[in-house]
Amino acid sequence: VKSSIIYSLNNWDNVTPQKVNSWRRLVHGIREQTNFAAKY
């Protein structure tokens, strides 16, 4: 996710609000996975 964000930040032509929102959903999804693993 970090590599994808850095790559996109270097190429602002491809960045849209939807893409940034998808980054947020990815970070949230990874957090949910870590919370699930911790609970399990």
All heavy atoms as atom14 arrays in JSON, in Angstrom:
{
  "sequence": "VKSSIIYSLNNWDNVTPQKVNSWRRLVHGIREQTNFAAKY",
  "atom14_mask": [
    [1, 1, 1, 1, 1, 1, 1, 0, 0, 0, 0, 0, 0, 0],
    [1, 1, 1, 1, 1, 1, 1, 1, 1, 0, 0, 0, 0, 0],
    [1, 1, 1, 1, 1, 1, 0, 0, 0, 0, 0, 0, 0, 0],
    [1, 1, 1, 1, 1, 1, 0, 0, 0, 0, 0, 0, 0, 0],
    [1, 1, 1, 1, 1, 1, 1, 1, 0, 0, 0, 0, 0, 0],
    [1, 1, 1, 1, 1, 1, 1, 1, 0, 0, 0, 0, 0, 0],
    [1, 1, 1, 1, 1, 1, 1, 1, 1, 1, 1, 1, 0, 0],
    [1, 1, 1, 1, 1, 1, 0, 0, 0, 0, 0, 0, 0, 0],
    [1, 1, 1, 1, 1, 1, 1, 1, 0, 0, 0, 0, 0, 0],
    [1, 1, 1, 1, 1, 1, 1, 1, 0, 0, 0, 0, 0, 0],
    [1, 1, 1, 1, 1, 1, 1, 1, 0, 0, 0, 0, 0, 0],
    [1, 1, 1, 1, 1, 1, 1, 1, 1, 1, 1, 1, 1, 1],
    [1, 1, 1, 1, 1, 1, 1, 1, 0, 0, 0, 0, 0, 0],
    [1, 1, 1, 1, 1, 1, 1, 1, 0, 0, 0, 0, 0, 0],
    [1, 1, 1, 1, 1, 1, 1, 0, 0, 0, 0, 0, 0, 0],
    [1, 1, 1, 1, 1, 1, 1, 0, 0, 0, 0, 0, 0, 0],
    [1, 1, 1, 1, 1, 1, 1, 0, 0, 0, 0, 0, 0, 0],
    [1, 1, 1, 1, 1, 1, 1, 1, 1, 0, 0, 0, 0, 0],
    [1, 1, 1, 1, 1, 1, 1, 1, 1, 0, 0, 0, 0, 0],
    [1, 1, 1, 1, 1, 1, 1, 0, 0, 0, 0, 0, 0, 0],
    [1, 1, 1, 1, 1, 1, 1, 1, 0, 0, 0, 0, 0, 0],
    [1, 1, 1, 1, 1, 1, 0, 0, 0, 0, 0, 0, 0, 0],
    [1, 1, 1, 1, 1, 1, 1, 1, 1, 1, 1, 1, 1, 1],
    [1, 1, 1, 1, 1, 1, 1, 1, 1, 1, 1, 0, 0, 0],
    [1, 1, 1, 1, 1, 1, 1, 1, 1, 1, 1, 0, 0, 0],
    [1, 1, 1, 1, 1, 1, 1, 1, 0, 0, 0, 0, 0, 0],
    [1, 1, 1, 1, 1, 1, 1, 0, 0, 0, 0, 0, 0, 0],
    [1, 1, 1, 1, 1, 1, 1, 1, 1, 1, 0, 0, 0, 0],
    [1, 1, 1, 1, 0, 0, 0, 0, 0, 0, 0, 0, 0, 0],
    [1, 1, 1, 1, 1, 1, 1, 1, 0, 0, 0, 0, 0, 0],
    [1, 1, 1, 1, 1, 1, 1, 1, 1, 1, 1, 0, 0, 0],
    [1, 1, 1, 1, 1, 1, 1, 1, 1, 0, 0, 0, 0, 0],
    [1, 1, 1, 1, 1, 1, 1, 1, 1, 0, 0, 0, 0, 0],
    [1, 1, 1, 1, 1, 1, 1, 0, 0, 0, 0, 0, 0, 0],
    [1, 1, 1, 1, 1, 1, 1, 1, 0, 0, 0, 0, 0, 0],
    [1, 1, 1, 1, 1, 1, 1, 1, 1, 1, 1, 0, 0, 0],
    [1, 1, 1, 1, 1, 0, 0, 0, 0, 0, 0, 0, 0, 0],
    [1, 1, 1, 1, 1, 0, 0, 0, 0, 0, 0, 0, 0, 0],
    [1, 1, 1, 1, 1, 1, 1, 1, 1, 0, 0, 0, 0, 0],
    [1, 1, 1, 1, 1, 1, 1, 1, 1, 1, 1, 1, 0, 0]
  ],
  "atom14_positions": [
    [[0.85, -1.2, 0.0], [0.0, 0.0, 0.0], [0.88, 1.24, 0.0], [0.63, 2.19, -0.75], [-0.96, -0.02, 1.21], [-1.71, 1.29, 1.33], [-1.93, -1.18, 1.11], [0.0, 0.0, 0.0], [0.0, 0.0, 0.0], [0.0, 0.0, 0.0], [0.0, 0.0, 0.0], [0.0, 0.0, 0.0], [0.0, 0.0, 0.0], [0.0, 0.0, 0.0]],
    [[1.92, 1.22, 0.84], [2.82, 2.38, 0.9], [3.51, 2.6, -0.44], [3.59, 3.73, -0.93], [3.87, 2.18, 2.0], [4.82, 3.36, 2.14], [5.89, 3.08, 3.16], [6.88, 2.15, 2.54], [8.09, 1.95, 3.25], [0.0, 0.0, 0.0], [0.0, 0.0, 0.0], [0.0, 0.0, 0.0], [0.0, 0.0, 0.0], [0.0, 0.0, 0.0]],
    [[3.97, 1.53, -1.08], [4.62, 1.66, -2.39], [3.66, 2.21, -3.43], [4.04, 3.06, -4.25], [5.16, 0.31, -2.85], [6.12, -0.16, -1.96], [0.0, 0.0, 0.0], [0.0, 0.0, 0.0], [0.0, 0.0, 0.0], [0.0, 0.0, 0.0], [0.0, 0.0, 0.0], [0.0, 0.0, 0.0], [0.0, 0.0, 0.0], [0.0, 0.0, 0.0]],
    [[2.43, 1.74, -3.4], [1.43, 2.23, -4.34], [1.15, 3.71, -4.12], [1.04, 4.48, -5.07], [0.14, 1.43, -4.19], [-0.9, 2.01, -4.94], [0.0, 0.0, 0.0], [0.0, 0.0, 0.0], [0.0, 0.0, 0.0], [0.0, 0.0, 0.0], [0.0, 0.0, 0.0], [0.0, 0.0, 0.0], [0.0, 0.0, 0.0], [0.0, 0.0, 0.0]],
    [[1.05, 4.11, -2.87], [0.79, 5.52, -2.56], [1.96, 6.38, -3.0], [1.77, 7.43, -3.61], [0.48, 5.69, -1.06], [-0.87, 5.06, -0.74], [0.5, 7.15, -0.65], [-1.19, 4.99, 0.74], [0.0, 0.0, 0.0], [0.0, 0.0, 0.0], [0.0, 0.0, 0.0], [0.0, 0.0, 0.0], [0.0, 0.0, 0.0], [0.0, 0.0, 0.0]],
    [[3.18, 5.96, -2.7], [4.36, 6.75, -3.08], [4.44, 6.87, -4.6], [4.71, 7.95, -5.13], [5.64, 6.12, -2.5], [5.65, 6.28, -0.98], [6.88, 6.75, -3.1], [6.75, 5.52, -0.28], [0.0, 0.0, 0.0], [0.0, 0.0, 0.0], [0.0, 0.0, 0.0], [0.0, 0.0, 0.0], [0.0, 0.0, 0.0], [0.0, 0.0, 0.0]],
    [[4.2, 5.78, -5.3], [4.22, 5.82, -6.77], [3.18, 6.8, -7.29], [3.45, 7.6, -8.17], [3.99, 4.43, -7.34], [3.94, 4.41, -8.84], [5.1, 4.51, -9.6], [2.72, 4.34, -9.51], [5.05, 4.53, -10.98], [2.66, 4.35, -10.89], [3.83, 4.45, -11.62], [3.78, 4.47, -12.99], [0.0, 0.0, 0.0], [0.0, 0.0, 0.0]],
    [[1.97, 6.75, -6.73], [0.91, 7.64, -7.18], [1.2, 9.08, -6.82], [0.85, 10.0, -7.58], [-0.43, 7.21, -6.59], [-0.79, 5.94, -7.06], [0.0, 0.0, 0.0], [0.0, 0.0, 0.0], [0.0, 0.0, 0.0], [0.0, 0.0, 0.0], [0.0, 0.0, 0.0], [0.0, 0.0, 0.0], [0.0, 0.0, 0.0], [0.0, 0.0, 0.0]],
    [[1.82, 9.3, -5.66], [2.13, 10.68, -5.26], [3.17, 11.29, -6.18], [3.19, 12.51, -6.38], [2.6, 10.72, -3.81], [1.56, 10.42, -2.75], [2.19, 10.41, -1.37], [0.42, 11.41, -2.8], [0.0, 0.0, 0.0], [0.0, 0.0, 0.0], [0.0, 0.0, 0.0], [0.0, 0.0, 0.0], [0.0, 0.0, 0.0], [0.0, 0.0, 0.0]],
    [[4.02, 10.47, -6.76], [5.02, 10.98, -7.71], [4.41, 11.24, -9.08], [5.01, 11.94, -9.89], [6.18, 9.99, -7.83], [7.0, 9.94, -6.56], [7.07, 10.91, -5.81], [7.57, 8.79, -6.28], [0.0, 0.0, 0.0], [0.0, 0.0, 0.0], [0.0, 0.0, 0.0], [0.0, 0.0, 0.0], [0.0, 0.0, 0.0], [0.0, 0.0, 0.0]],
    [[3.25, 10.67, -9.36], [2.56, 10.86, -10.64], [1.17, 11.42, -10.36], [0.18, 10.7, -10.39], [2.44, 9.53, -11.4], [3.79, 8.93, -11.68], [4.71, 9.63, -12.05], [3.9, 7.63, -11.47], [0.0, 0.0, 0.0], [0.0, 0.0, 0.0], [0.0, 0.0, 0.0], [0.0, 0.0, 0.0], [0.0, 0.0, 0.0], [0.0, 0.0, 0.0]],
    [[1.09, 12.72, -10.12], [-0.18, 13.32, -9.73], [-1.24, 13.26, -10.83], [-2.42, 13.46, -10.57], [0.03, 14.78, -9.32], [0.39, 14.88, -7.88], [1.61, 15.18, -7.38], [-0.46, 14.65, -6.76], [1.58, 15.14, -6.02], [0.31, 14.82, -5.61], [-1.8, 14.3, -6.62], [-0.21, 14.68, -4.34], [-2.32, 14.16, -5.35], [-1.52, 14.35, -4.23]],
    [[-0.86, 12.98, -12.04], [-1.84, 12.92, -13.13], [-2.84, 11.79, -12.89], [-3.99, 11.87, -13.33], [-1.14, 12.7, -14.48], [-0.17, 13.83, -14.8], [-0.36, 14.93, -14.24], [0.77, 13.61, -15.58], [0.0, 0.0, 0.0], [0.0, 0.0, 0.0], [0.0, 0.0, 0.0], [0.0, 0.0, 0.0], [0.0, 0.0, 0.0], [0.0, 0.0, 0.0]],
    [[-2.43, 10.72, -12.23], [-3.28, 9.55, -12.02], [-4.09, 9.6, -10.73], [-4.91, 8.73, -10.48], [-2.45, 8.27, -12.01], [-1.71, 8.07, -13.31], [-2.15, 8.51, -14.35], [-0.58, 7.41, -13.23], [0.0, 0.0, 0.0], [0.0, 0.0, 0.0], [0.0, 0.0, 0.0], [0.0, 0.0, 0.0], [0.0, 0.0, 0.0], [0.0, 0.0, 0.0]],
    [[-3.84, 10.58, -9.86], [-4.48, 10.63, -8.55], [-5.85, 11.31, -8.67], [-5.97, 12.4, -9.2], [-3.61, 11.37, -7.53], [-4.32, 11.5, -6.2], [-2.29, 10.65, -7.35], [0.0, 0.0, 0.0], [0.0, 0.0, 0.0], [0.0, 0.0, 0.0], [0.0, 0.0, 0.0], [0.0, 0.0, 0.0], [0.0, 0.0, 0.0], [0.0, 0.0, 0.0]],
    [[-6.84, 10.59, -8.14], [-8.2, 11.12, -8.1], [-8.71, 10.98, -6.67], [-8.14, 10.21, -5.88], [-9.13, 10.33, -9.04], [-9.19, 8.98, -8.59], [-8.65, 10.39, -10.49], [0.0, 0.0, 0.0], [0.0, 0.0, 0.0], [0.0, 0.0, 0.0], [0.0, 0.0, 0.0], [0.0, 0.0, 0.0], [0.0, 0.0, 0.0], [0.0, 0.0, 0.0]],
    [[-9.77, 11.69, -6.31], [-10.32, 11.51, -4.96], [-10.74, 10.06, -4.7], [-10.59, 9.56, -3.58], [-11.53, 12.44, -4.94], [-11.24, 13.47, -5.96], [-10.43, 12.79, -7.02], [0.0, 0.0, 0.0], [0.0, 0.0, 0.0], [0.0, 0.0, 0.0], [0.0, 0.0, 0.0], [0.0, 0.0, 0.0], [0.0, 0.0, 0.0], [0.0, 0.0, 0.0]],
    [[-11.22, 9.38, -5.73], [-11.62, 7.99, -5.57], [-10.42, 7.09, -5.27], [-10.51, 6.14, -4.5], [-12.35, 7.48, -6.83], [-13.68, 8.15, -7.08], [-13.54, 9.52, -7.74], [-12.5, 9.88, -8.27], [-14.63, 10.28, -7.67], [0.0, 0.0, 0.0], [0.0, 0.0, 0.0], [0.0, 0.0, 0.0], [0.0, 0.0, 0.0], [0.0, 0.0, 0.0]],
    [[-9.29, 7.41, -5.89], [-8.08, 6.62, -5.65], [-7.59, 6.81, -4.22], [-7.22, 5.85, -3.55], [-6.99, 7.0, -6.65], [-5.81, 6.06, -6.61], [-4.88, 6.33, -7.75], [-4.12, 5.09, -8.06], [-3.38, 5.17, -9.29], [0.0, 0.0, 0.0], [0.0, 0.0, 0.0], [0.0, 0.0, 0.0], [0.0, 0.0, 0.0], [0.0, 0.0, 0.0]],
    [[-7.61, 8.05, -3.74], [-7.19, 8.31, -2.36], [-8.17, 7.64, -1.39], [-7.76, 7.08, -0.37], [-7.08, 9.83, -2.1], [-6.7, 10.11, -0.65], [-6.06, 10.46, -3.03], [0.0, 0.0, 0.0], [0.0, 0.0, 0.0], [0.0, 0.0, 0.0], [0.0, 0.0, 0.0], [0.0, 0.0, 0.0], [0.0, 0.0, 0.0], [0.0, 0.0, 0.0]],
    [[-9.44, 7.66, -1.73], [-10.43, 6.98, -0.9], [-10.17, 5.48, -0.88], [-10.32, 4.82, 0.16], [-11.83, 7.28, -1.43], [-12.91, 6.79, -0.49], [-12.66, 6.04, 0.43], [-14.13, 7.23, -0.74], [0.0, 0.0, 0.0], [0.0, 0.0, 0.0], [0.0, 0.0, 0.0], [0.0, 0.0, 0.0], [0.0, 0.0, 0.0], [0.0, 0.0, 0.0]],
    [[-9.74, 4.92, -2.01], [-9.42, 3.49, -2.04], [-8.19, 3.19, -1.17], [-8.12, 2.12, -0.56], [-9.2, 3.0, -3.47], [-8.0, 3.5, -4.01], [0.0, 0.0, 0.0], [0.0, 0.0, 0.0], [0.0, 0.0, 0.0], [0.0, 0.0, 0.0], [0.0, 0.0, 0.0], [0.0, 0.0, 0.0], [0.0, 0.0, 0.0], [0.0, 0.0, 0.0]],
    [[-7.23, 4.12, -1.09], [-6.09, 3.93, -0.2], [-6.59, 3.85, 1.25], [-6.13, 3.02, 2.03], [-5.1, 5.07, -0.3], [-4.43, 5.24, -1.61], [-4.31, 4.32, -2.61], [-3.78, 6.42, -2.06], [-3.63, 4.86, -3.66], [-3.27, 6.15, -3.36], [-3.56, 7.67, -1.52], [-2.58, 7.07, -4.1], [-2.86, 8.61, -2.26], [-2.37, 8.3, -3.54]],
    [[-7.5, 4.75, 1.59], [-8.04, 4.76, 2.96], [-8.76, 3.45, 3.26], [-8.63, 2.89, 4.34], [-8.97, 5.95, 3.13], [-9.42, 6.14, 4.55], [-10.0, 7.52, 4.82], [-10.72, 8.09, 3.73], [-12.05, 8.22, 3.68], [-12.79, 7.79, 4.67], [-12.63, 8.77, 2.64], [0.0, 0.0, 0.0], [0.0, 0.0, 0.0], [0.0, 0.0, 0.0]],
    [[-9.52, 2.95, 2.3], [-10.21, 1.68, 2.49], [-9.21, 0.53, 2.64], [-9.42, -0.4, 3.43], [-11.18, 1.42, 1.34], [-12.44, 2.28, 1.41], [-13.52, 1.8, 0.47], [-13.05, 1.5, -0.87], [-13.13, 2.33, -1.91], [-13.67, 3.51, -1.75], [-12.69, 1.96, -3.09], [0.0, 0.0, 0.0], [0.0, 0.0, 0.0], [0.0, 0.0, 0.0]],
    [[-8.1, 0.59, 1.88], [-7.06, -0.45, 2.01], [-6.43, -0.42, 3.4], [-6.25, -1.47, 4.03], [-5.97, -0.25, 0.96], [-6.24, -0.79, -0.43], [-5.15, -0.33, -1.38], [-6.32, -2.29, -0.41], [0.0, 0.0, 0.0], [0.0, 0.0, 0.0], [0.0, 0.0, 0.0], [0.0, 0.0, 0.0], [0.0, 0.0, 0.0], [0.0, 0.0, 0.0]],
    [[-6.08, 0.77, 3.87], [-5.49, 0.89, 5.21], [-6.48, 0.4, 6.25], [-6.13, -0.34, 7.17], [-5.05, 2.34, 5.48], [-4.68, 2.54, 6.93], [-3.88, 2.73, 4.58], [0.0, 0.0, 0.0], [0.0, 0.0, 0.0], [0.0, 0.0, 0.0], [0.0, 0.0, 0.0], [0.0, 0.0, 0.0], [0.0, 0.0, 0.0], [0.0, 0.0, 0.0]],
    [[-7.73, 0.78, 6.1], [-8.77, 0.32, 7.03], [-8.92, -1.21, 6.97], [-9.07, -1.86, 8.0], [-10.1, 1.01, 6.73], [-11.19, 0.61, 7.65], [-11.22, 0.99, 8.98], [-12.28, -0.17, 7.47], [-12.28, 0.47, 9.56], [-12.95, -0.23, 8.66], [0.0, 0.0, 0.0], [0.0, 0.0, 0.0], [0.0, 0.0, 0.0], [0.0, 0.0, 0.0]],
    [[-8.88, -1.77, 5.77], [-8.99, -3.23, 5.62], [-7.84, -3.96, 6.28], [-8.04, -5.0, 6.92], [0.0, 0.0, 0.0], [0.0, 0.0, 0.0], [0.0, 0.0, 0.0], [0.0, 0.0, 0.0], [0.0, 0.0, 0.0], [0.0, 0.0, 0.0], [0.0, 0.0, 0.0], [0.0, 0.0, 0.0], [0.0, 0.0, 0.0], [0.0, 0.0, 0.0]],
    [[-6.63, -3.44, 6.14], [-5.47, -4.06, 6.78], [-5.61, -3.98, 8.31], [-5.3, -4.94, 9.02], [-4.17, -3.41, 6.29], [-3.96, -3.74, 4.81], [-2.98, -3.87, 7.13], [-2.84, -2.97, 4.16], [0.0, 0.0, 0.0], [0.0, 0.0, 0.0], [0.0, 0.0, 0.0], [0.0, 0.0, 0.0], [0.0, 0.0, 0.0], [0.0, 0.0, 0.0]],
    [[-6.09, -2.85, 8.79], [-6.32, -2.73, 10.23], [-7.35, -3.73, 10.72], [-7.2, -4.32, 11.78], [-6.8, -1.32, 10.56], [-5.73, -0.3, 10.49], [-6.31, 1.05, 10.73], [-5.26, 2.0, 10.98], [-5.41, 3.1, 11.7], [-6.58, 3.37, 12.21], [-4.41, 3.9, 11.88], [0.0, 0.0, 0.0], [0.0, 0.0, 0.0], [0.0, 0.0, 0.0]],
    [[-8.4, -3.91, 9.96], [-9.42, -4.89, 10.33], [-8.84, -6.31, 10.38], [-9.19, -7.1, 11.26], [-10.6, -4.83, 9.36], [-11.45, -3.59, 9.51], [-12.14, -3.51, 10.86], [-12.68, -4.53, 11.31], [-12.12, -2.42, 11.45], [0.0, 0.0, 0.0], [0.0, 0.0, 0.0], [0.0, 0.0, 0.0], [0.0, 0.0, 0.0], [0.0, 0.0, 0.0]],
    [[-7.96, -6.62, 9.44], [-7.33, -7.95, 9.43], [-6.45, -8.14, 10.65], [-6.45, -9.22, 11.26], [-6.52, -8.15, 8.16], [-7.36, -8.32, 6.93], [-6.52, -8.41, 5.67], [-5.3, -8.3, 5.72], [-7.17, -8.63, 4.55], [0.0, 0.0, 0.0], [0.0, 0.0, 0.0], [0.0, 0.0, 0.0], [0.0, 0.0, 0.0], [0.0, 0.0, 0.0]],
    [[-5.68, -7.12, 11.02], [-4.83, -7.25, 12.2], [-5.68, -7.37, 13.46], [-5.35, -8.13, 14.37], [-3.84, -6.08, 12.34], [-4.55, -4.84, 12.39], [-2.85, -6.06, 11.2], [0.0, 0.0, 0.0], [0.0, 0.0, 0.0], [0.0, 0.0, 0.0], [0.0, 0.0, 0.0], [0.0, 0.0, 0.0], [0.0, 0.0, 0.0], [0.0, 0.0, 0.0]],
    [[-6.78, -6.62, 13.53], [-7.67, -6.72, 14.69], [-8.32, -8.1, 14.77], [-8.46, -8.67, 15.85], [-8.74, -5.64, 14.65], [-8.17, -4.27, 14.94], [-7.13, -4.14, 15.56], [-8.84, -3.25, 14.45], [0.0, 0.0, 0.0], [0.0, 0.0, 0.0], [0.0, 0.0, 0.0], [0.0, 0.0, 0.0], [0.0, 0.0, 0.0], [0.0, 0.0, 0.0]],
    [[-8.71, -8.64, 13.62], [-9.31, -9.97, 13.6], [-8.29, -11.03, 14.04], [-8.6, -11.9, 14.84], [-9.84, -10.3, 12.2], [-10.38, -11.69, 12.09], [-11.59, -12.04, 12.67], [-9.67, -12.67, 11.41], [-12.09, -13.32, 12.58], [-10.15, -13.96, 11.31], [-11.37, -14.3, 11.9], [0.0, 0.0, 0.0], [0.0, 0.0, 0.0], [0.0, 0.0, 0.0]],
    [[-7.07, -10.92, 13.53], [-6.03, -11.88, 13.91], [-5.72, -11.77, 15.41], [-5.54, -12.79, 16.08], [-4.77, -11.66, 13.09], [0.0, 0.0, 0.0], [0.0, 0.0, 0.0], [0.0, 0.0, 0.0], [0.0, 0.0, 0.0], [0.0, 0.0, 0.0], [0.0, 0.0, 0.0], [0.0, 0.0, 0.0], [0.0, 0.0, 0.0], [0.0, 0.0, 0.0]],
    [[-5.68, -10.55, 15.91], [-5.42, -10.36, 17.34], [-6.56, -10.94, 18.18], [-6.31, -11.59, 19.2], [-5.24, -8.88, 17.65], [0.0, 0.0, 0.0], [0.0, 0.0, 0.0], [0.0, 0.0, 0.0], [0.0, 0.0, 0.0], [0.0, 0.0, 0.0], [0.0, 0.0, 0.0], [0.0, 0.0, 0.0], [0.0, 0.0, 0.0], [0.0, 0.0, 0.0]],
    [[-7.8, -10.73, 17.75], [-8.94, -11.28, 18.49], [-8.93, -12.81, 18.44], [-9.21, -13.48, 19.43], [-10.24, -10.75, 17.9], [-11.47, -11.14, 18.71], [-12.74, -10.67, 18.05], [-12.88, -9.19, 18.19], [-14.18, -8.7, 17.69], [0.0, 0.0, 0.0], [0.0, 0.0, 0.0], [0.0, 0.0, 0.0], [0.0, 0.0, 0.0], [0.0, 0.0, 0.0]],
    [[-8.58, -13.36, 17.29], [-8.56, -14.81, 17.12], [-7.47, -15.46, 17.98], [-7.66, -16.53, 18.52], [-8.35, -15.15, 15.65], [-8.29, -16.61, 15.34], [-9.43, -17.41, 15.4], [-7.08, -17.21, 15.01], [-9.38, -18.77, 15.14], [-7.01, -18.57, 14.74], [-8.16, -19.34, 14.8], [-8.1, -20.67, 14.54], [0.0, 0.0, 0.0], [0.0, 0.0, 0.0]]
  ]
}
